[in-house]
Amino acid sequence: MEIELGKAKKTRRAYGFDEISLCPSIITINPEDTDISTTLGGHKFDIPIIASAMDGVVSPKTAILMSRLGGLGVLNLQGVWAKYEDADKMLEKIASVPKEEYVPLMQKLYLEPVKKELIKKRIKEIKAAGGIAAVSSIPQEALELGPLARDAGADIFVVQSTVLSTKHRSKSSEVLDLKKFCAEMNIPVIVGNCVTYEVALTLMGTGVAAVLVGIGPGAACTSRGVLGVGVPMATSIADCAGARDSYFKENKVYIPIIADGGMAVGGDICKAIACGADAVMIGSPIAKATEAPGRGYHWGMATPSPTLPRGSRIKVGTIGSLKEILHGPAKFDDGSMNFIGALRTSMGTLGAANLKEMQQVEVVIAPSILTEGKVYQKAQQLGMYK
């Protein structure tokens, strides 16, 4: 519904995860009988969870572990793993400095150029251990790093920036032709990020394998404050899911959408899929794992920008193993662990046998869903208010 913001501007209401809730139907299903698998770029995954391409989240070791646990981890080719032989030493430096010093330190460390031999080495590490090698690059570097990663054995290439379009204008650099790039890569290309029906639909027409949805919702991202850009996730996902369905109806080709960011607990993942996502990409929840390379810290890909940092280094702590965070058993009551158990239980409660059925469940606008009846949790900082 169109709303008048003022005489010169029309607008509409958009919704985030905290403003919606999922409504059960007459059907319930045994959670163990639900199918939560998803397919991206011809690869079938047992769980619809992708670990974000952030240095505090994915190392070659965690990428391998994500594959073994049924999901996918994406390695950042602009990060320390492609710049330093001893990346762990750099990560230790980032984790050890006080909060007043992390931005200038990162700006300095990330000025180190990417080394092609290290990219090849990291991909081979992941492949040698039986993992699916997915790597990420910004659009400006994709023309160089994409073919390099492909030839080194990468299974999936991700082109990712704060906002991605097919009509980029530049007077200073070569513009990435996504359609040509996807055709020449010969491996699945995932692109993002976007938040609107029109952009998602246009991106799908370039031959991509999937589209990332979300601008600025991540726990460490400050783009919404720095740039004033972003759309709440529930609305973003639903709009882009509409584009996916329209594209499929017209072309008989199904391009999955991946909700990227803004999900901290199991309920958020359930809501993302109910809004239309085929999979989710998460960062801060994975950064809490004992195996995560960030040592209890998490930061955005744009944090080290030499001119306009758009991310914070946040302390997320370490709560358990990656297996516990994904598959349980949970040691806490706040939804921060056993995401798969939460998803299966939610689907069973809602009567959804698989992810496509989960995308069809009823969603209601519920601004009081997180506060109704929770006065004691809030006062005592328990459960949902930890």
Protein backbone atom coordinates (compact mmCIF):
# COMPACT_ATOMS: atom_id res chain seq x y z
CA MET A 1 0.00 0.00 0.00
CA GLU A 2 1.37 3.39 -1.01
CA ILE A 3 1.85 5.89 1.83
CA GLU A 4 2.46 9.61 1.57
CA LEU A 5 5.72 10.48 3.29
CA GLY A 6 5.19 14.11 2.38
CA LYS A 7 3.87 16.17 -0.50
CA ALA A 8 6.90 15.35 -2.65
CA LYS A 9 7.45 11.71 -1.78
CA LYS A 10 5.41 8.50 -1.79
CA THR A 11 6.60 5.47 0.13
CA ARG A 12 5.54 2.06 1.42
CA ARG A 13 5.87 0.08 4.64
CA ALA A 14 8.62 -2.54 4.86
CA TYR A 15 9.01 -5.22 7.53
CA GLY A 16 11.88 -6.87 9.37
CA PHE A 17 12.03 -10.26 11.08
CA ASP A 18 11.13 -8.81 14.49
CA GLU A 19 7.81 -7.51 13.11
CA ILE A 20 6.45 -10.76 11.71
CA SER A 21 5.46 -14.19 13.00
CA LEU A 22 4.62 -17.56 11.45
CA CYS A 23 1.11 -18.92 11.82
CA PRO A 24 0.35 -22.68 12.14
CA SER A 25 -2.23 -24.40 9.95
CA ILE A 26 -4.42 -27.43 10.64
CA ILE A 27 -1.53 -29.78 9.72
CA THR A 28 1.47 -30.76 11.83
CA ILE A 29 4.38 -33.03 10.88
CA ASN A 30 6.95 -35.02 12.81
CA PRO A 31 10.08 -32.76 12.68
CA GLU A 32 12.30 -35.74 11.80
CA ASP A 33 10.23 -36.30 8.66
CA THR A 34 10.89 -32.83 7.21
CA ASP A 35 13.21 -32.38 4.22
CA ILE A 36 15.42 -29.30 4.66
CA SER A 37 17.76 -29.93 1.71
CA THR A 38 18.32 -27.28 -0.93
CA THR A 39 20.05 -27.10 -4.30
CA LEU A 40 22.37 -24.30 -5.42
CA GLY A 41 24.24 -24.32 -8.71
CA GLY A 42 23.69 -28.02 -9.22
CA HIS A 43 25.02 -28.90 -5.75
CA LYS A 44 22.59 -30.43 -3.28
CA PHE A 45 23.07 -29.44 0.36
CA ASP A 46 21.61 -31.30 3.31
CA ILE A 47 21.01 -28.04 5.17
CA PRO A 48 20.11 -24.60 3.74
CA ILE A 49 22.83 -22.71 5.61
CA ILE A 50 25.83 -20.89 4.12
CA ALA A 51 28.61 -19.35 6.19
CA SER A 52 29.36 -15.77 5.09
CA ALA A 53 32.51 -14.83 3.20
CA MET A 54 33.99 -12.95 6.15
CA ASP A 55 37.43 -13.45 7.66
CA GLY A 56 36.15 -13.94 11.19
CA VAL A 57 33.73 -16.61 9.95
CA VAL A 58 35.27 -18.73 7.19
CA SER A 59 38.76 -20.13 6.95
CA PRO A 60 39.72 -23.08 4.75
CA LYS A 61 39.19 -25.32 7.80
CA THR A 62 35.71 -23.99 8.58
CA ALA A 63 34.78 -24.19 4.88
CA ILE A 64 35.70 -27.87 4.98
CA LEU A 65 33.74 -28.37 8.21
CA MET A 66 30.67 -26.61 6.81
CA SER A 67 30.70 -29.05 3.88
CA ARG A 68 30.97 -32.02 6.23
CA LEU A 69 28.04 -30.72 8.27
CA GLY A 70 25.84 -30.45 5.18
CA GLY A 71 26.14 -26.73 4.37
CA LEU A 72 28.54 -24.42 2.57
CA GLY A 73 31.26 -21.99 3.62
CA VAL A 74 32.42 -19.17 1.33
CA LEU A 75 36.02 -17.94 1.51
CA ASN A 76 36.67 -14.23 0.93
CA LEU A 77 39.30 -13.70 -1.78
CA GLN A 78 39.81 -10.10 -0.66
CA GLY A 79 40.54 -11.30 2.88
CA VAL A 80 43.58 -12.31 4.88
CA TRP A 81 43.55 -15.90 3.63
CA ALA A 82 44.43 -14.69 0.14
CA LYS A 83 46.87 -12.00 1.31
CA TYR A 84 48.99 -13.68 3.99
CA GLU A 85 50.62 -17.09 4.21
CA ASP A 86 50.23 -16.97 7.99
CA ALA A 87 46.69 -15.59 8.08
CA ASP A 88 46.14 -16.77 11.65
CA LYS A 89 48.81 -14.33 12.84
CA MET A 90 46.92 -11.44 11.25
CA LEU A 91 43.63 -12.60 12.77
CA GLU A 92 45.29 -12.72 16.19
CA LYS A 93 46.36 -9.10 15.74
CA ILE A 94 42.85 -8.03 14.79
CA ALA A 95 41.34 -9.79 17.80
CA SER A 96 43.87 -8.46 20.28
CA VAL A 97 43.70 -4.67 19.78
CA PRO A 98 41.32 -2.40 21.76
CA LYS A 99 38.20 -1.09 20.04
CA GLU A 100 39.77 2.32 19.39
CA GLU A 101 42.47 0.73 17.23
CA TYR A 102 40.87 -2.01 15.13
CA VAL A 103 39.81 0.17 12.16
CA PRO A 104 43.26 1.67 11.43
CA LEU A 105 44.87 -1.73 12.02
CA MET A 106 42.54 -3.43 9.55
CA GLN A 107 43.00 -0.66 7.01
CA LYS A 108 46.73 -1.29 7.18
CA LEU A 109 46.58 -5.10 7.12
CA TYR A 110 44.10 -5.29 4.25
CA LEU A 111 46.24 -3.04 2.02
CA GLU A 112 48.42 -6.10 1.42
CA PRO A 113 47.81 -7.24 -2.18
CA VAL A 114 46.04 -10.50 -2.97
CA LYS A 115 48.45 -13.28 -3.92
CA LYS A 116 47.37 -15.58 -6.73
CA GLU A 117 49.36 -18.52 -5.41
CA LEU A 118 47.60 -18.26 -2.05
CA ILE A 119 44.20 -18.34 -3.75
CA LYS A 120 45.19 -21.55 -5.51
CA LYS A 121 46.56 -22.99 -2.28
CA ARG A 122 43.41 -22.25 -0.24
CA ILE A 123 41.10 -23.73 -2.86
CA LYS A 124 43.23 -26.86 -3.09
CA GLU A 125 43.20 -27.20 0.72
CA ILE A 126 39.41 -27.23 0.73
CA LYS A 127 39.16 -29.63 -2.23
CA ALA A 128 41.78 -32.01 -0.88
CA ALA A 129 39.72 -32.49 2.28
CA GLY A 130 36.57 -33.22 0.31
CA GLY A 131 34.95 -29.82 0.81
CA ILE A 132 32.98 -27.80 -1.71
CA ALA A 133 35.19 -24.83 -2.61
CA ALA A 134 33.14 -21.63 -2.79
CA VAL A 135 35.00 -18.32 -2.98
CA SER A 136 33.92 -14.68 -3.08
CA SER A 137 35.13 -11.53 -4.83
CA ILE A 138 33.93 -7.98 -5.26
CA PRO A 139 32.78 -7.13 -8.82
CA GLN A 140 35.84 -4.96 -9.50
CA GLU A 141 38.16 -7.96 -9.06
CA ALA A 142 35.92 -10.70 -10.46
CA LEU A 143 37.28 -10.54 -14.03
CA GLU A 144 40.75 -11.39 -12.75
CA LEU A 145 40.00 -13.62 -9.76
CA GLY A 146 37.08 -15.54 -11.24
CA PRO A 147 39.00 -17.43 -13.93
CA LEU A 148 41.92 -17.92 -11.52
CA ALA A 149 39.63 -19.50 -8.91
CA ARG A 150 37.87 -21.61 -11.53
CA ASP A 151 41.12 -22.97 -12.91
CA ALA A 152 42.32 -23.75 -9.38
CA GLY A 153 39.27 -25.98 -8.88
CA ALA A 154 36.66 -23.73 -7.26
CA ASP A 155 33.16 -25.21 -7.37
CA ILE A 156 31.19 -21.98 -6.89
CA PHE A 157 32.15 -18.34 -7.43
CA VAL A 158 30.34 -15.55 -5.57
CA VAL A 159 30.32 -11.96 -6.86
CA GLN A 160 29.33 -9.86 -3.89
CA SER A 161 29.11 -6.18 -2.99
CA THR A 162 26.92 -3.95 -0.83
CA VAL A 163 24.68 -3.34 -3.86
CA LEU A 164 24.99 -5.12 -7.21
CA SER A 165 23.29 -4.09 -10.45
CA THR A 166 23.46 -4.95 -14.14
CA LYS A 167 23.62 -1.29 -15.14
CA HIS A 168 26.70 -0.05 -13.30
CA ARG A 169 28.21 3.16 -14.64
CA SER A 170 31.91 3.89 -14.29
CA LYS A 171 34.35 6.31 -15.91
CA SER A 172 37.39 4.87 -14.14
CA SER A 173 37.22 1.08 -14.45
CA GLU A 174 36.00 -1.74 -16.66
CA VAL A 175 32.40 -2.67 -15.89
CA LEU A 176 31.65 -6.31 -15.15
CA ASP A 177 29.33 -7.78 -17.78
CA LEU A 178 27.57 -10.39 -15.65
CA LYS A 179 25.99 -12.25 -18.55
CA LYS A 180 29.32 -12.65 -20.33
CA PHE A 181 31.10 -13.46 -17.06
CA CYS A 182 28.64 -16.22 -16.11
CA ALA A 183 28.85 -17.75 -19.59
CA GLU A 184 32.65 -17.83 -19.53
CA MET A 185 33.10 -19.10 -15.97
CA ASN A 186 31.65 -22.59 -16.58
CA ILE A 187 31.00 -22.98 -12.85
CA PRO A 188 27.97 -21.69 -10.92
CA VAL A 189 28.09 -17.96 -10.18
CA ILE A 190 26.12 -16.55 -7.23
CA VAL A 191 25.64 -12.78 -7.19
CA GLY A 192 24.42 -10.09 -4.79
CA ASN A 193 23.36 -8.15 -3.02
CA CYS A 194 19.94 -6.77 -3.85
CA VAL A 195 16.64 -6.04 -2.11
CA THR A 196 14.07 -5.31 -4.82
CA TYR A 197 11.93 -7.24 -7.28
CA GLU A 198 13.23 -5.36 -10.31
CA VAL A 199 16.93 -5.79 -9.56
CA ALA A 200 16.56 -9.46 -8.60
CA LEU A 201 14.64 -10.18 -11.81
CA THR A 202 17.29 -8.42 -13.90
CA LEU A 203 20.13 -10.30 -12.19
CA MET A 204 18.39 -13.62 -12.82
CA GLY A 205 18.42 -12.88 -16.53
CA THR A 206 22.23 -12.90 -16.63
CA GLY A 207 22.63 -16.64 -16.11
CA VAL A 208 23.46 -16.61 -12.39
CA ALA A 209 22.98 -19.70 -10.22
CA ALA A 210 21.47 -17.82 -7.26
CA VAL A 211 20.90 -14.30 -5.95
CA LEU A 212 21.88 -12.95 -2.53
CA VAL A 213 19.25 -10.78 -0.83
CA GLY A 214 19.99 -8.22 1.87
CA ILE A 215 21.63 -4.81 2.23
CA GLY A 216 22.99 -3.81 5.61
CA PRO A 217 21.20 -6.16 8.08
CA GLY A 218 24.31 -8.01 9.25
CA ALA A 219 25.35 -7.73 12.89
CA ALA A 220 28.69 -6.10 12.02
CA CYS A 221 27.55 -4.04 9.03
CA THR A 222 27.17 -0.26 9.35
CA SER A 223 26.12 0.47 5.75
CA ARG A 224 22.63 1.47 6.83
CA GLY A 225 24.10 4.11 9.13
CA VAL A 226 26.93 5.23 6.85
CA LEU A 227 24.99 5.21 3.57
CA GLY A 228 21.35 5.32 4.68
CA VAL A 229 20.69 2.40 2.31
CA GLY A 230 18.76 -0.80 3.00
CA VAL A 231 15.35 -2.48 3.17
CA PRO A 232 14.21 -4.65 6.12
CA MET A 233 14.77 -8.32 5.43
CA ALA A 234 11.26 -9.77 5.52
CA THR A 235 10.10 -7.41 2.79
CA SER A 236 13.35 -7.76 0.80
CA ILE A 237 13.10 -11.55 0.73
CA ALA A 238 9.41 -11.57 -0.19
CA ASP A 239 9.99 -9.09 -3.03
CA CYS A 240 12.94 -11.03 -4.45
CA ALA A 241 11.08 -14.33 -4.04
CA GLY A 242 8.38 -12.79 -6.19
CA ALA A 243 11.01 -12.09 -8.84
CA ARG A 244 12.24 -15.68 -8.66
CA ASP A 245 8.71 -17.02 -9.15
CA SER A 246 8.03 -14.62 -12.03
CA TYR A 247 11.29 -15.60 -13.71
CA PHE A 248 10.46 -19.28 -13.35
CA LYS A 249 6.96 -18.80 -14.76
CA GLU A 250 8.34 -16.97 -17.77
CA ASN A 251 11.52 -18.97 -18.42
CA LYS A 252 11.01 -22.34 -16.67
CA VAL A 253 14.34 -21.80 -14.90
CA TYR A 254 14.41 -21.71 -11.10
CA ILE A 255 16.98 -19.27 -9.65
CA PRO A 256 17.19 -19.68 -5.84
CA ILE A 257 17.41 -16.67 -3.56
CA ILE A 258 19.62 -16.62 -0.49
CA ALA A 259 18.75 -14.41 2.48
CA ASP A 260 22.01 -12.77 3.51
CA GLY A 261 22.34 -11.25 6.99
CA GLY A 262 20.13 -10.13 9.83
CA MET A 263 19.60 -13.61 11.29
CA ALA A 264 20.88 -14.13 14.82
CA VAL A 265 18.72 -16.99 16.15
CA GLY A 266 16.90 -20.03 14.82
CA GLY A 267 13.58 -18.23 14.57
CA ASP A 268 15.09 -15.68 12.18
CA ILE A 269 16.18 -18.46 9.82
CA CYS A 270 12.70 -19.98 9.95
CA LYS A 271 11.15 -16.60 9.14
CA ALA A 272 13.58 -16.01 6.26
CA ILE A 273 12.56 -19.24 4.57
CA ALA A 274 8.87 -18.59 5.26
CA CYS A 275 9.27 -15.23 3.50
CA GLY A 276 10.57 -17.04 0.43
CA ALA A 277 14.29 -17.78 0.84
CA ASP A 278 15.72 -21.05 -0.53
CA ALA A 279 18.74 -20.81 1.78
CA VAL A 280 20.31 -18.40 4.25
CA MET A 281 23.77 -16.91 4.58
CA ILE A 282 24.81 -16.11 8.16
CA GLY A 283 27.94 -14.63 9.72
CA SER A 284 27.81 -13.70 13.39
CA PRO A 285 26.17 -16.98 14.55
CA ILE A 286 28.98 -18.96 12.88
CA ALA A 287 31.60 -16.57 14.28
CA LYS A 288 30.58 -17.85 17.75
CA ALA A 289 31.89 -21.34 16.96
CA THR A 290 35.07 -22.63 18.59
CA GLU A 291 36.42 -23.40 15.09
CA ALA A 292 35.71 -19.89 13.73
CA PRO A 293 38.90 -17.99 12.82
CA GLY A 294 37.81 -14.69 14.42
CA ARG A 295 38.55 -15.74 18.02
CA GLY A 296 35.17 -14.60 19.26
CA TYR A 297 35.09 -11.48 17.06
CA HIS A 298 33.20 -10.76 13.87
CA TRP A 299 33.59 -7.96 11.31
CA GLY A 300 32.17 -6.99 7.96
CA MET A 301 33.89 -7.16 4.58
CA ALA A 302 33.78 -3.36 4.26
CA THR A 303 35.29 -2.71 7.70
CA PRO A 304 38.86 -2.32 6.31
CA SER A 305 37.88 0.19 3.59
CA PRO A 306 40.73 2.73 3.37
CA THR A 307 38.34 5.64 2.75
CA LEU A 308 34.87 4.76 4.11
CA PRO A 309 34.71 1.84 6.59
CA ARG A 310 31.21 0.34 6.76
CA GLY A 311 31.49 -2.31 9.42
CA SER A 312 32.36 -2.81 13.06
CA ARG A 313 34.45 -5.43 14.81
CA ILE A 314 31.93 -6.82 17.27
CA LYS A 315 32.55 -9.26 20.09
CA VAL A 316 30.25 -12.24 19.73
CA GLY A 317 32.05 -14.60 22.08
CA THR A 318 32.49 -18.34 21.69
CA ILE A 319 29.55 -20.53 22.70
CA GLY A 320 30.26 -24.00 21.31
CA SER A 321 31.34 -26.05 18.34
CA LEU A 322 30.11 -25.43 14.81
CA LYS A 323 28.32 -28.79 14.98
CA GLU A 324 26.46 -27.70 18.12
CA ILE A 325 25.48 -24.35 16.59
CA LEU A 326 24.13 -26.04 13.46
CA HIS A 327 22.91 -29.43 14.68
CA GLY A 328 22.88 -29.20 18.47
CA PRO A 329 22.41 -30.19 21.13
CA ALA A 330 21.81 -26.62 22.29
CA LYS A 331 23.29 -25.51 25.61
CA PHE A 332 21.34 -22.25 25.73
CA ASP A 333 17.66 -21.29 25.61
CA ASP A 334 17.98 -18.23 23.37
CA GLY A 335 17.93 -19.82 19.91
CA SER A 336 21.67 -19.36 19.30
CA MET A 337 22.35 -23.09 18.84
CA ASN A 338 20.84 -26.07 17.00
CA PHE A 339 19.53 -24.08 14.05
CA ILE A 340 18.62 -27.27 12.20
CA GLY A 341 16.60 -28.56 15.14
CA ALA A 342 14.81 -25.21 15.29
CA LEU A 343 14.07 -25.24 11.57
CA ARG A 344 12.77 -28.81 11.59
CA THR A 345 10.63 -28.17 14.68
CA SER A 346 9.22 -24.97 13.19
CA MET A 347 8.42 -26.74 9.93
CA GLY A 348 6.77 -29.60 11.78
CA THR A 349 4.69 -27.18 13.84
CA LEU A 350 3.64 -25.31 10.71
CA GLY A 351 2.90 -28.45 8.68
CA ALA A 352 5.64 -27.84 6.10
CA ALA A 353 7.22 -31.03 4.80
CA ASN A 354 9.97 -29.29 2.81
CA LEU A 355 11.36 -25.82 2.14
CA LYS A 356 8.95 -25.11 -0.72
CA GLU A 357 6.03 -25.78 1.62
CA MET A 358 7.72 -23.67 4.31
CA GLN A 359 7.75 -20.77 1.82
CA GLN A 360 3.95 -21.04 1.60
CA VAL A 361 3.10 -20.85 5.33
CA GLU A 362 1.04 -17.96 6.62
CA VAL A 363 3.01 -14.94 7.84
CA VAL A 364 1.33 -12.35 10.06
CA ILE A 365 2.38 -8.83 10.98
CA ALA A 366 3.17 -9.05 14.69
CA PRO A 367 5.01 -6.04 16.17
CA SER A 368 4.58 -7.38 19.72
CA ILE A 369 5.79 -10.91 18.97
CA LEU A 370 9.08 -10.49 20.83
CA THR A 371 7.71 -8.56 23.81
CA GLU A 372 4.29 -10.02 24.54
CA GLY A 373 4.34 -11.75 27.92
CA LYS A 374 8.13 -11.58 28.21
CA VAL A 375 8.40 -9.11 31.09
CA TYR A 376 10.35 -11.50 33.35
CA GLN A 377 12.80 -12.52 30.64
CA LYS A 378 13.42 -8.86 29.90
CA ALA A 379 13.82 -7.86 33.54
CA GLN A 380 16.14 -10.78 34.31
CA GLN A 381 17.95 -10.76 30.93
CA LEU A 382 17.10 -14.38 30.25
CA GLY A 383 16.09 -16.37 27.15
CA MET A 384 15.14 -13.98 24.34
CA TYR A 385 16.66 -11.05 26.26
CA LYS A 386 20.18 -12.33 26.90
